[in-house]
């Protein structure tokens, strides 16, 4: 996208980078109940706490963490929506190619 902008320079581009969005809308109108098998960790955790499944398999034990498990960065879906809105508002003041990371701030 950056190369395209450099060669054409006729559009503005916003690139958003985020991982592991999760959660449901606060009204619960749109929920977390999958029709088929879950395809992300949070849905499996939900099913475990709702006693729909009786165990949670953890895969991977060779990450450079104290217990060897992977560390994930999650962002709630409503925060992700706000990130989209904020990035477009910021982009109006600074056109071109902008890249924004949407996730938690590490202390």
PDB file of N, CA and C in Angstrom:
ATOM      1  N   UNK A   1       0.826  -1.188   0.000  1.00  0.00           N
ATOM      2  CA  UNK A   1       0.000   0.000   0.000  1.00  0.00           C
ATOM      3  C   UNK A   1       0.874   1.255   0.000  1.00  0.00           C
ATOM      4  N   UNK A   2       1.967   1.196   0.750  1.00  0.00           N
ATOM      5  CA  UNK A   2       2.863   2.359   0.768  1.00  0.00           C
ATOM      6  C   UNK A   2       3.494   2.576  -0.600  1.00  0.00           C
ATOM      7  N   UNK A   3       3.881   1.482  -1.260  1.00  0.00           N
ATOM      8  CA  UNK A   3       4.465   1.595  -2.603  1.00  0.00           C
ATOM      9  C   UNK A   3       3.444   2.154  -3.590  1.00  0.00           C
ATOM     10  N   UNK A   4       2.190   1.696  -3.497  1.00  0.00           N
ATOM     11  CA  UNK A   4       1.146   2.204  -4.376  1.00  0.00           C
ATOM     12  C   UNK A   4       0.968   3.708  -4.176  1.00  0.00           C
ATOM     13  N   UNK A   5       0.908   4.130  -2.919  1.00  0.00           N
ATOM     14  CA  UNK A   5       0.744   5.553  -2.634  1.00  0.00           C
ATOM     15  C   UNK A   5       1.918   6.360  -3.197  1.00  0.00           C
ATOM     16  N   UNK A   6       3.126   5.819  -3.034  1.00  0.00           N
ATOM     17  CA  UNK A   6       4.313   6.512  -3.539  1.00  0.00           C
ATOM     18  C   UNK A   6       4.259   6.660  -5.060  1.00  0.00           C
ATOM     19  N   UNK A   7       3.785   5.615  -5.751  1.00  0.00           N
ATOM     20  CA  UNK A   7       3.769   5.669  -7.215  1.00  0.00           C
ATOM     21  C   UNK A   7       2.588   6.460  -7.767  1.00  0.00           C
ATOM     22  N   UNK A   8       1.444   6.441  -7.106  1.00  0.00           N
ATOM     23  CA  UNK A   8       0.242   7.094  -7.634  1.00  0.00           C
ATOM     24  C   UNK A   8      -0.061   8.413  -6.933  1.00  0.00           C
ATOM     25  N   UNK A   9       0.044   8.409  -5.610  1.00  0.00           N
ATOM     26  CA  UNK A   9      -0.185   9.605  -4.805  1.00  0.00           C
ATOM     27  C   UNK A   9      -1.564  10.222  -5.041  1.00  0.00           C
ATOM     28  N   UNK A  10      -2.556   9.381  -5.382  1.00  0.00           N
ATOM     29  CA  UNK A  10      -3.882   9.912  -5.681  1.00  0.00           C
ATOM     30  C   UNK A  10      -4.934   9.497  -4.650  1.00  0.00           C
ATOM     31  N   UNK A  11      -4.512   8.776  -3.618  1.00  0.00           N
ATOM     32  CA  UNK A  11      -5.451   8.358  -2.580  1.00  0.00           C
ATOM     33  C   UNK A  11      -4.765   8.495  -1.224  1.00  0.00           C
ATOM     34  N   UNK A  12      -5.557   8.459  -0.175  1.00  0.00           N
ATOM     35  CA  UNK A  12      -5.025   8.383   1.175  1.00  0.00           C
ATOM     36  C   UNK A  12      -5.341   6.996   1.721  1.00  0.00           C
ATOM     37  N   UNK A  13      -4.458   6.486   2.540  1.00  0.00           N
ATOM     38  CA  UNK A  13      -4.583   5.113   3.016  1.00  0.00           C
ATOM     39  C   UNK A  13      -4.416   5.062   4.533  1.00  0.00           C
ATOM     40  N   UNK A  14      -5.300   4.323   5.189  1.00  0.00           N
ATOM     41  CA  UNK A  14      -5.174   4.028   6.611  1.00  0.00           C
ATOM     42  C   UNK A  14      -4.977   2.526   6.743  1.00  0.00           C
ATOM     43  N   UNK A  15      -3.914   2.137   7.421  1.00  0.00           N
ATOM     44  CA  UNK A  15      -3.632   0.730   7.681  1.00  0.00           C
ATOM     45  C   UNK A  15      -3.784   0.504   9.181  1.00  0.00           C
ATOM     46  N   UNK A  16      -4.663  -0.431   9.551  1.00  0.00           N
ATOM     47  CA  UNK A  16      -4.879  -0.745  10.962  1.00  0.00           C
ATOM     48  C   UNK A  16      -4.331  -2.134  11.248  1.00  0.00           C
ATOM     49  N   UNK A  17      -3.533  -2.241  12.311  1.00  0.00           N
ATOM     50  CA  UNK A  17      -2.954  -3.531  12.702  1.00  0.00           C
ATOM     51  C   UNK A  17      -3.486  -3.888  14.086  1.00  0.00           C
ATOM     52  N   UNK A  18      -4.184  -5.009  14.153  1.00  0.00           N
ATOM     53  CA  UNK A  18      -4.680  -5.481  15.451  1.00  0.00           C
ATOM     54  C   UNK A  18      -4.821  -6.984  15.429  1.00  0.00           C
ATOM     55  N   UNK A  19      -4.829  -7.544  16.620  1.00  0.00           N
ATOM     56  CA  UNK A  19      -4.921  -8.989  16.757  1.00  0.00           C
ATOM     57  C   UNK A  19      -5.929  -9.339  17.840  1.00  0.00           C
ATOM     58  N   UNK A  20      -6.565 -10.463  17.677  1.00  0.00           N
ATOM     59  CA  UNK A  20      -7.430 -11.066  18.675  1.00  0.00           C
ATOM     60  C   UNK A  20      -8.548 -10.164  19.191  1.00  0.00           C
ATOM     61  N   UNK A  21      -9.388  -9.648  18.302  1.00  0.00           N
ATOM     62  CA  UNK A  21     -10.566  -8.928  18.800  1.00  0.00           C
ATOM     63  C   UNK A  21     -11.506  -9.913  19.479  1.00  0.00           C
ATOM     64  N   UNK A  22     -12.157  -9.472  20.540  1.00  0.00           N
ATOM     65  CA  UNK A  22     -13.059 -10.346  21.275  1.00  0.00           C
ATOM     66  C   UNK A  22     -14.159  -9.513  21.916  1.00  0.00           C
ATOM     67  N   UNK A  23     -15.181 -10.193  22.373  1.00  0.00           N
ATOM     68  CA  UNK A  23     -16.236  -9.528  23.114  1.00  0.00           C
ATOM     69  C   UNK A  23     -17.488  -9.363  22.293  1.00  0.00           C
ATOM     70  N   UNK A  24     -18.515  -8.927  22.978  1.00  0.00           N
ATOM     71  CA  UNK A  24     -19.813  -8.723  22.357  1.00  0.00           C
ATOM     72  C   UNK A  24     -20.256  -7.298  22.643  1.00  0.00           C
ATOM     73  N   UNK A  25     -21.236  -6.836  21.903  1.00  0.00           N
ATOM     74  CA  UNK A  25     -21.791  -5.521  22.145  1.00  0.00           C
ATOM     75  C   UNK A  25     -22.423  -5.487  23.527  1.00  0.00           C
ATOM     76  N   UNK A  26     -22.341  -4.356  24.204  1.00  0.00           N
ATOM     77  CA  UNK A  26     -22.823  -4.250  25.586  1.00  0.00           C
ATOM     78  C   UNK A  26     -24.307  -4.558  25.738  1.00  0.00           C
ATOM     79  N   UNK A  27     -25.081  -4.449  24.668  1.00  0.00           N
ATOM     80  CA  UNK A  27     -26.512  -4.765  24.754  1.00  0.00           C
ATOM     81  C   UNK A  27     -26.772  -6.268  24.686  1.00  0.00           C
ATOM     82  N   UNK A  28     -25.780  -7.025  24.296  1.00  0.00           N
ATOM     83  CA  UNK A  28     -25.876  -8.477  24.098  1.00  0.00           C
ATOM     84  C   UNK A  28     -26.786  -8.851  22.929  1.00  0.00           C
ATOM     85  N   UNK A  29     -27.152  -7.875  22.114  1.00  0.00           N
ATOM     86  CA  UNK A  29     -27.939  -8.173  20.913  1.00  0.00           C
ATOM     87  C   UNK A  29     -27.112  -9.049  19.977  1.00  0.00           C
ATOM     88  N   UNK A  30     -25.845  -8.705  19.855  1.00  0.00           N
ATOM     89  CA  UNK A  30     -24.921  -9.523  19.074  1.00  0.00           C
ATOM     90  C   UNK A  30     -24.064 -10.252  20.094  1.00  0.00           C
ATOM     91  N   UNK A  31     -24.209 -11.551  20.197  1.00  0.00           N
ATOM     92  CA  UNK A  31     -23.554 -12.292  21.258  1.00  0.00           C
ATOM     93  C   UNK A  31     -22.329 -13.049  20.831  1.00  0.00           C
ATOM     94  N   UNK A  32     -21.867 -13.896  21.708  1.00  0.00           N
ATOM     95  CA  UNK A  32     -20.661 -14.700  21.514  1.00  0.00           C
ATOM     96  C   UNK A  32     -20.993 -16.165  21.294  1.00  0.00           C
ATOM     97  N   UNK A  33     -22.213 -16.496  20.967  1.00  0.00           N
ATOM     98  CA  UNK A  33     -22.628 -17.891  20.832  1.00  0.00           C
ATOM     99  C   UNK A  33     -22.441 -18.360  19.391  1.00  0.00           C
ATOM    100  N   UNK A  34     -21.384 -19.135  19.110  1.00  0.00           N
ATOM    101  CA  UNK A  34     -21.172 -19.596  17.731  1.00  0.00           C
ATOM    102  C   UNK A  34     -22.172 -20.683  17.354  1.00  0.00           C
ATOM    103  N   UNK A  35     -22.508 -20.737  16.088  1.00  0.00           N
ATOM    104  CA  UNK A  35     -23.418 -21.777  15.603  1.00  0.00           C
ATOM    105  C   UNK A  35     -22.731 -23.129  15.496  1.00  0.00           C
ATOM    106  N   UNK A  36     -21.454 -23.118  15.160  1.00  0.00           N
ATOM    107  CA  UNK A  36     -20.684 -24.347  15.007  1.00  0.00           C
ATOM    108  C   UNK A  36     -19.590 -24.380  16.067  1.00  0.00           C
ATOM    109  N   UNK A  37     -18.488 -25.008  15.764  1.00  0.00           N
ATOM    110  CA  UNK A  37     -17.372 -25.036  16.698  1.00  0.00           C
ATOM    111  C   UNK A  37     -16.747 -23.652  16.816  1.00  0.00           C
ATOM    112  N   UNK A  38     -16.353 -23.252  18.032  1.00  0.00           N
ATOM    113  CA  UNK A  38     -15.684 -21.966  18.187  1.00  0.00           C
ATOM    114  C   UNK A  38     -14.382 -21.948  17.400  1.00  0.00           C
ATOM    115  N   UNK A  39     -13.958 -20.765  16.987  1.00  0.00           N
ATOM    116  CA  UNK A  39     -12.695 -20.676  16.268  1.00  0.00           C
ATOM    117  C   UNK A  39     -11.738 -19.702  16.930  1.00  0.00           C
ATOM    118  N   UNK A  40     -11.992 -19.359  18.194  1.00  0.00           N
ATOM    119  CA  UNK A  40     -11.020 -18.553  18.919  1.00  0.00           C
ATOM    120  C   UNK A  40     -11.045 -18.904  20.400  1.00  0.00           C
ATOM    121  N   UNK A  41      -9.983 -18.565  21.087  1.00  0.00           N
ATOM    122  CA  UNK A  41      -9.801 -18.952  22.477  1.00  0.00           C
ATOM    123  C   UNK A  41     -10.903 -18.431  23.386  1.00  0.00           C
ATOM    124  N   UNK A  42     -11.319 -17.194  23.214  1.00  0.00           N
ATOM    125  CA  UNK A  42     -12.309 -16.618  24.124  1.00  0.00           C
ATOM    126  C   UNK A  42     -13.633 -17.368  24.053  1.00  0.00           C
ATOM    127  N   UNK A  43     -14.009 -17.843  22.892  1.00  0.00           N
ATOM    128  CA  UNK A  43     -15.248 -18.608  22.790  1.00  0.00           C
ATOM    129  C   UNK A  43     -15.128 -19.959  23.487  1.00  0.00           C
ATOM    130  N   UNK A  44     -13.936 -20.555  23.431  1.00  0.00           N
ATOM    131  CA  UNK A  44     -13.726 -21.796  24.176  1.00  0.00           C
ATOM    132  C   UNK A  44     -13.782 -21.538  25.680  1.00  0.00           C
ATOM    133  N   UNK A  45     -13.213 -20.435  26.136  1.00  0.00           N
ATOM    134  CA  UNK A  45     -13.273 -20.094  27.560  1.00  0.00           C
ATOM    135  C   UNK A  45     -14.719 -19.857  27.980  1.00  0.00           C
ATOM    136  N   UNK A  46     -15.482 -19.166  27.137  1.00  0.00           N
ATOM    137  CA  UNK A  46     -16.904 -18.957  27.423  1.00  0.00           C
ATOM    138  C   UNK A  46     -17.624 -20.300  27.576  1.00  0.00           C
ATOM    139  N   UNK A  47     -17.369 -21.213  26.645  1.00  0.00           N
ATOM    140  CA  UNK A  47     -18.032 -22.517  26.718  1.00  0.00           C
ATOM    141  C   UNK A  47     -17.605 -23.288  27.965  1.00  0.00           C
ATOM    142  N   UNK A  48     -16.358 -23.130  28.371  1.00  0.00           N
ATOM    143  CA  UNK A  48     -15.883 -23.798  29.577  1.00  0.00           C
ATOM    144  C   UNK A  48     -16.587 -23.245  30.814  1.00  0.00           C
ATOM    145  N   UNK A  49     -16.691 -21.928  30.915  1.00  0.00           N
ATOM    146  CA  UNK A  49     -17.345 -21.331  32.084  1.00  0.00           C
ATOM    147  C   UNK A  49     -18.842 -21.594  32.089  1.00  0.00           C
ATOM    148  N   UNK A  50     -19.443 -21.760  30.925  1.00  0.00           N
ATOM    149  CA  UNK A  50     -20.870 -22.073  30.838  1.00  0.00           C
ATOM    150  C   UNK A  50     -21.120 -23.573  30.950  1.00  0.00           C
ATOM    151  N   UNK A  51     -20.046 -24.318  31.191  1.00  0.00           N
ATOM    152  CA  UNK A  51     -20.101 -25.776  31.346  1.00  0.00           C
ATOM    153  C   UNK A  51     -20.655 -26.485  30.111  1.00  0.00           C
ATOM    154  N   UNK A  52     -20.407 -25.908  28.940  1.00  0.00           N
ATOM    155  CA  UNK A  52     -20.779 -26.560  27.688  1.00  0.00           C
ATOM    156  C   UNK A  52     -19.684 -27.530  27.239  1.00  0.00           C
ATOM    157  N   UNK A  53     -18.464 -27.299  27.712  1.00  0.00           N
ATOM    158  CA  UNK A  53     -17.355 -28.227  27.518  1.00  0.00           C
ATOM    159  C   UNK A  53     -16.721 -28.446  28.883  1.00  0.00           C
ATOM    160  N   UNK A  54     -16.001 -29.551  29.062  1.00  0.00           N
ATOM    161  CA  UNK A  54     -15.468 -29.831  30.390  1.00  0.00           C
ATOM    162  C   UNK A  54     -13.959 -29.676  30.504  1.00  0.00           C
ATOM    163  N   UNK A  55     -13.280 -29.371  29.406  1.00  0.00           N
ATOM    164  CA  UNK A  55     -11.842 -29.129  29.500  1.00  0.00           C
ATOM    165  C   UNK A  55     -11.403 -28.201  28.376  1.00  0.00           C
ATOM    166  N   UNK A  56     -10.260 -27.570  28.592  1.00  0.00           N
ATOM    167  CA  UNK A  56      -9.676 -26.660  27.616  1.00  0.00           C
ATOM    168  C   UNK A  56      -8.269 -27.148  27.327  1.00  0.00           C
ATOM    169  N   UNK A  57      -8.014 -27.537  26.113  1.00  0.00           N
ATOM    170  CA  UNK A  57      -6.682 -27.988  25.723  1.00  0.00           C
ATOM    171  C   UNK A  57      -5.797 -26.791  25.419  1.00  0.00           C
ATOM    172  N   UNK A  58      -4.609 -26.789  25.968  1.00  0.00           N
ATOM    173  CA  UNK A  58      -3.628 -25.732  25.716  1.00  0.00           C
ATOM    174  C   UNK A  58      -2.511 -26.353  24.896  1.00  0.00           C
ATOM    175  N   UNK A  59      -2.216 -25.772  23.764  1.00  0.00           N
ATOM    176  CA  UNK A  59      -1.172 -26.273  22.879  1.00  0.00           C
ATOM    177  C   UNK A  59       0.005 -25.307  22.889  1.00  0.00           C
ATOM    178  N   UNK A  60       1.195 -25.833  22.806  1.00  0.00           N
ATOM    179  CA  UNK A  60       2.399 -25.013  22.769  1.00  0.00           C
ATOM    180  C   UNK A  60       2.989 -24.861  24.152  1.00  0.00           C
ATOM    181  N   UNK A  61       4.264 -25.156  24.268  1.00  0.00           N
ATOM    182  CA  UNK A  61       4.925 -25.034  25.565  1.00  0.00           C
ATOM    183  C   UNK A  61       6.373 -24.588  25.419  1.00  0.00           C
ATOM    184  N   UNK A  62       6.702 -24.021  24.259  1.00  0.00           N
ATOM    185  CA  UNK A  62       8.096 -23.648  24.028  1.00  0.00           C
ATOM    186  C   UNK A  62       8.279 -22.156  23.750  1.00  0.00           C
ATOM    187  N   UNK A  63       7.356 -21.342  24.268  1.00  0.00           N
ATOM    188  CA  UNK A  63       7.481 -19.895  24.105  1.00  0.00           C
ATOM    189  C   UNK A  63       8.413 -19.346  25.193  1.00  0.00           C
ATOM    190  N   UNK A  64       9.076 -18.210  24.939  1.00  0.00           N
ATOM    191  CA  UNK A  64      10.014 -17.659  25.930  1.00  0.00           C
ATOM    192  C   UNK A  64       9.274 -16.916  27.063  1.00  0.00           C
ATOM    193  N   UNK A  65       8.401 -17.629  27.764  1.00  0.00           N
ATOM    194  CA  UNK A  65       7.658 -17.084  28.902  1.00  0.00           C
ATOM    195  C   UNK A  65       7.943 -17.971  30.113  1.00  0.00           C
ATOM    196  N   UNK A  66       7.631 -17.506  31.320  1.00  0.00           N
ATOM    197  CA  UNK A  66       7.946 -18.316  32.514  1.00  0.00           C
ATOM    198  C   UNK A  66       7.377 -19.739  32.474  1.00  0.00           C
ATOM    199  N   UNK A  67       6.164 -19.900  31.930  1.00  0.00           N
ATOM    200  CA  UNK A  67       5.581 -21.250  31.892  1.00  0.00           C
ATOM    201  C   UNK A  67       5.586 -21.873  30.500  1.00  0.00           C
ATOM    202  N   UNK A  68       6.181 -21.189  29.522  1.00  0.00           N
ATOM    203  CA  UNK A  68       6.267 -21.734  28.173  1.00  0.00           C
ATOM    204  C   UNK A  68       5.037 -21.512  27.323  1.00  0.00           C
ATOM    205  N   UNK A  69       4.013 -20.871  27.882  1.00  0.00           N
ATOM    206  CA  UNK A  69       2.788 -20.640  27.108  1.00  0.00           C
ATOM    207  C   UNK A  69       2.870 -19.314  26.363  1.00  0.00           C
ATOM    208  N   UNK A  70       2.027 -19.180  25.371  1.00  0.00           N
ATOM    209  CA  UNK A  70       1.998 -17.985  24.534  1.00  0.00           C
ATOM    210  C   UNK A  70       1.245 -16.855  25.237  1.00  0.00           C
ATOM    211  N   UNK A  71       1.682 -15.643  25.037  1.00  0.00           N
ATOM    212  CA  UNK A  71       0.987 -14.462  25.568  1.00  0.00           C
ATOM    213  C   UNK A  71       0.280 -13.791  24.402  1.00  0.00           C
ATOM    214  N   UNK A  72      -0.985 -13.494  24.568  1.00  0.00           N
ATOM    215  CA  UNK A  72      -1.796 -12.875  23.519  1.00  0.00           C
ATOM    216  C   UNK A  72      -2.224 -11.480  23.928  1.00  0.00           C
ATOM    217  N   UNK A  73      -2.400 -10.627  22.937  1.00  0.00           N
ATOM    218  CA  UNK A  73      -2.903  -9.275  23.143  1.00  0.00           C
ATOM    219  C   UNK A  73      -4.333  -9.250  22.621  1.00  0.00           C
ATOM    220  N   UNK A  74      -5.298  -9.031  23.505  1.00  0.00           N
ATOM    221  CA  UNK A  74      -6.705  -8.993  23.123  1.00  0.00           C
ATOM    222  C   UNK A  74      -7.203  -7.556  23.142  1.00  0.00           C
ATOM    223  N   UNK A  75      -8.152  -7.249  22.272  1.00  0.00           N
ATOM    224  CA  UNK A  75      -8.795  -5.942  22.263  1.00  0.00           C
ATOM    225  C   UNK A  75     -10.298  -6.181  22.164  1.00  0.00           C
ATOM    226  N   UNK A  76     -11.047  -5.481  23.005  1.00  0.00           N
ATOM    227  CA  UNK A  76     -12.495  -5.653  22.983  1.00  0.00           C
ATOM    228  C   UNK A  76     -13.057  -5.025  21.708  1.00  0.00           C
ATOM    229  N   UNK A  77     -14.081  -5.631  21.185  1.00  0.00           N
ATOM    230  CA  UNK A  77     -14.647  -5.210  19.897  1.00  0.00           C
ATOM    231  C   UNK A  77     -15.108  -3.753  19.919  1.00  0.00           C
ATOM    232  N   UNK A  78     -15.648  -3.278  21.050  1.00  0.00           N
ATOM    233  CA  UNK A  78     -16.084  -1.873  21.100  1.00  0.00           C
ATOM    234  C   UNK A  78     -14.884  -0.931  21.087  1.00  0.00           C
ATOM    235  N   UNK A  79     -13.761  -1.341  21.684  1.00  0.00           N
ATOM    236  CA  UNK A  79     -12.538  -0.538  21.606  1.00  0.00           C
ATOM    237  C   UNK A  79     -11.994  -0.534  20.183  1.00  0.00           C
ATOM    238  N   UNK A  80     -12.144  -1.657  19.512  1.00  0.00           N
ATOM    239  CA  UNK A  80     -11.694  -1.757  18.128  1.00  0.00           C
ATOM    240  C   UNK A  80     -12.497  -0.817  17.223  1.00  0.00           C
ATOM    241  N   UNK A  81     -13.796  -0.762  17.445  1.00  0.00           N
ATOM    242  CA  UNK A  81     -14.646   0.165  16.678  1.00  0.00           C
ATOM    243  C   UNK A  81     -14.187   1.599  16.915  1.00  0.00           C
ATOM    244  N   UNK A  82     -13.937   1.950  18.182  1.00  0.00           N
ATOM    245  CA  UNK A  82     -13.473   3.308  18.484  1.00  0.00           C
ATOM    246  C   UNK A  82     -12.122   3.577  17.829  1.00  0.00           C
ATOM    247  N   UNK A  83     -11.273   2.559  17.767  1.00  0.00           N
ATOM    248  CA  UNK A  83      -9.983   2.712  17.096  1.00  0.00           C
ATOM    249  C   UNK A  83     -10.131   3.010  15.615  1.00  0.00           C
ATOM    250  N   UNK A  84     -11.102   2.362  14.971  1.00  0.00           N
ATOM    251  CA  UNK A  84     -11.375   2.640  13.556  1.00  0.00           C
ATOM    252  C   UNK A  84     -11.818   4.090  13.387  1.00  0.00           C
ATOM    253  N   UNK A  85     -12.739   4.531  14.223  1.00  0.00           N
ATOM    254  CA  UNK A  85     -13.255   5.901  14.126  1.00  0.00           C
ATOM    255  C   UNK A  85     -12.139   6.910  14.388  1.00  0.00           C
ATOM    256  N   UNK A  86     -11.367   6.685  15.448  1.00  0.00           N
ATOM    257  CA  UNK A  86     -10.285   7.613  15.793  1.00  0.00           C
ATOM    258  C   UNK A  86      -9.223   7.683  14.708  1.00  0.00           C
ATOM    259  N   UNK A  87      -8.905   6.542  14.090  1.00  0.00           N
ATOM    260  CA  UNK A  87      -7.884   6.549  13.042  1.00  0.00           C
ATOM    261  C   UNK A  87      -8.345   7.346  11.831  1.00  0.00           C
ATOM    262  N   UNK A  88      -9.627   7.244  11.491  1.00  0.00           N
ATOM    263  CA  UNK A  88     -10.140   8.019  10.359  1.00  0.00           C
ATOM    264  C   UNK A  88     -10.190   9.512  10.681  1.00  0.00           C
ATOM    265  N   UNK A  89     -10.555   9.847  11.920  1.00  0.00           N
ATOM    266  CA  UNK A  89     -10.547  11.261  12.324  1.00  0.00           C
ATOM    267  C   UNK A  89      -9.131  11.830  12.275  1.00  0.00           C
ATOM    268  N   UNK A  90      -8.151  11.072  12.770  1.00  0.00           N
ATOM    269  CA  UNK A  90      -6.761  11.523  12.737  1.00  0.00           C
ATOM    270  C   UNK A  90      -6.261  11.627  11.305  1.00  0.00           C
ATOM    271  N   UNK A  91      -6.701  10.707  10.472  1.00  0.00           N
ATOM    272  CA  UNK A  91      -6.255  10.686   9.076  1.00  0.00           C
ATOM    273  C   UNK A  91      -6.757  11.905   8.303  1.00  0.00           C
ATOM    274  N   UNK A  92      -7.922  12.430   8.682  1.00  0.00           N
ATOM    275  CA  UNK A  92      -8.429  13.641   8.027  1.00  0.00           C
ATOM    276  C   UNK A  92      -7.479  14.811   8.200  1.00  0.00           C
ATOM    277  N   UNK A  93      -6.743  14.831   9.304  1.00  0.00           N
ATOM    278  CA  UNK A  93      -5.798  15.910   9.584  1.00  0.00           C
ATOM    279  C   UNK A  93      -4.397  15.630   9.049  1.00  0.00           C
ATOM    280  N   UNK A  94      -4.143  14.396   8.627  1.00  0.00           N
ATOM    281  CA  UNK A  94      -2.811  14.012   8.183  1.00  0.00           C
ATOM    282  C   UNK A  94      -2.925  12.978   7.067  1.00  0.00           C
ATOM    283  N   UNK A  95      -3.337  13.400   5.852  1.00  0.00           N
ATOM    284  CA  UNK A  95      -3.534  12.447   4.757  1.00  0.00           C
ATOM    285  C   UNK A  95      -2.220  11.818   4.303  1.00  0.00           C
ATOM    286  N   UNK A  96      -2.335  10.843   3.453  1.00  0.00           N
ATOM    287  CA  UNK A  96      -1.184  10.094   2.965  1.00  0.00           C
ATOM    288  C   UNK A  96      -1.365   8.650   3.358  1.00  0.00           C
ATOM    289  N   UNK A  97      -0.303   8.042   3.855  1.00  0.00           N
ATOM    290  CA  UNK A  97      -0.372   6.669   4.358  1.00  0.00           C
ATOM    291  C   UNK A  97      -0.093   6.704   5.849  1.00  0.00           C
ATOM    292  N   UNK A  98      -1.045   6.246   6.628  1.00  0.00           N
ATOM    293  CA  UNK A  98      -0.889   6.193   8.077  1.00  0.00           C
ATOM    294  C   UNK A  98      -1.088   4.761   8.549  1.00  0.00           C
ATOM    295  N   UNK A  99      -0.271   4.333   9.492  1.00  0.00           N
ATOM    296  CA  UNK A  99      -0.368   2.988  10.068  1.00  0.00           C
ATOM    297  C   UNK A  99      -0.623   3.149  11.559  1.00  0.00           C
ATOM    298  N   UNK A 100      -1.662   2.479  12.051  1.00  0.00           N
ATOM    299  CA  UNK A 100      -2.006   2.545  13.466  1.00  0.00           C
ATOM    300  C   UNK A 100      -2.074   1.129  14.028  1.00  0.00           C
ATOM    301  N   UNK A 101      -1.465   0.951  15.196  1.00  0.00           N
ATOM    302  CA  UNK A 101      -1.580  -0.295  15.937  1.00  0.00           C
ATOM    303  C   UNK A 101      -2.732  -0.143  16.924  1.00  0.00           C
ATOM    304  N   UNK A 102      -3.652  -1.088  16.927  1.00  0.00           N
ATOM    305  CA  UNK A 102      -4.773  -1.052  17.853  1.00  0.00           C
ATOM    306  C   UNK A 102      -4.632  -2.214  18.820  1.00  0.00           C
ATOM    307  N   UNK A 103      -4.326  -1.911  20.071  1.00  0.00           N
ATOM    308  CA  UNK A 103      -4.127  -2.940  21.083  1.00  0.00           C
ATOM    309  C   UNK A 103      -3.856  -2.286  22.414  1.00  0.00           C
ATOM    310  N   UNK A 104      -3.423  -3.073  23.349  1.00  0.00           N
ATOM    311  CA  UNK A 104      -3.174  -2.533  24.678  1.00  0.00           C
ATOM    312  C   UNK A 104      -1.809  -1.856  24.726  1.00  0.00           C
ATOM    313  N   UNK A 105      -1.674  -0.926  25.645  1.00  0.00           N
ATOM    314  CA  UNK A 105      -0.421  -0.217  25.841  1.00  0.00           C
ATOM    315  C   UNK A 105       0.386  -1.005  26.867  1.00  0.00           C
ATOM    316  N   UNK A 106       1.612  -1.311  26.531  1.00  0.00           N
ATOM    317  CA  UNK A 106       2.468  -2.041  27.478  1.00  0.00           C
ATOM    318  C   UNK A 106       3.118  -1.053  28.414  1.00  0.00           C
ATOM    319  N   UNK A 107       3.090  -1.371  29.677  1.00  0.00           N
ATOM    320  CA  UNK A 107       3.684  -0.478  30.693  1.00  0.00           C
ATOM    321  C   UNK A 107       5.167  -0.684  30.794  1.00  0.00           C
TER     322      UNK A 107
END
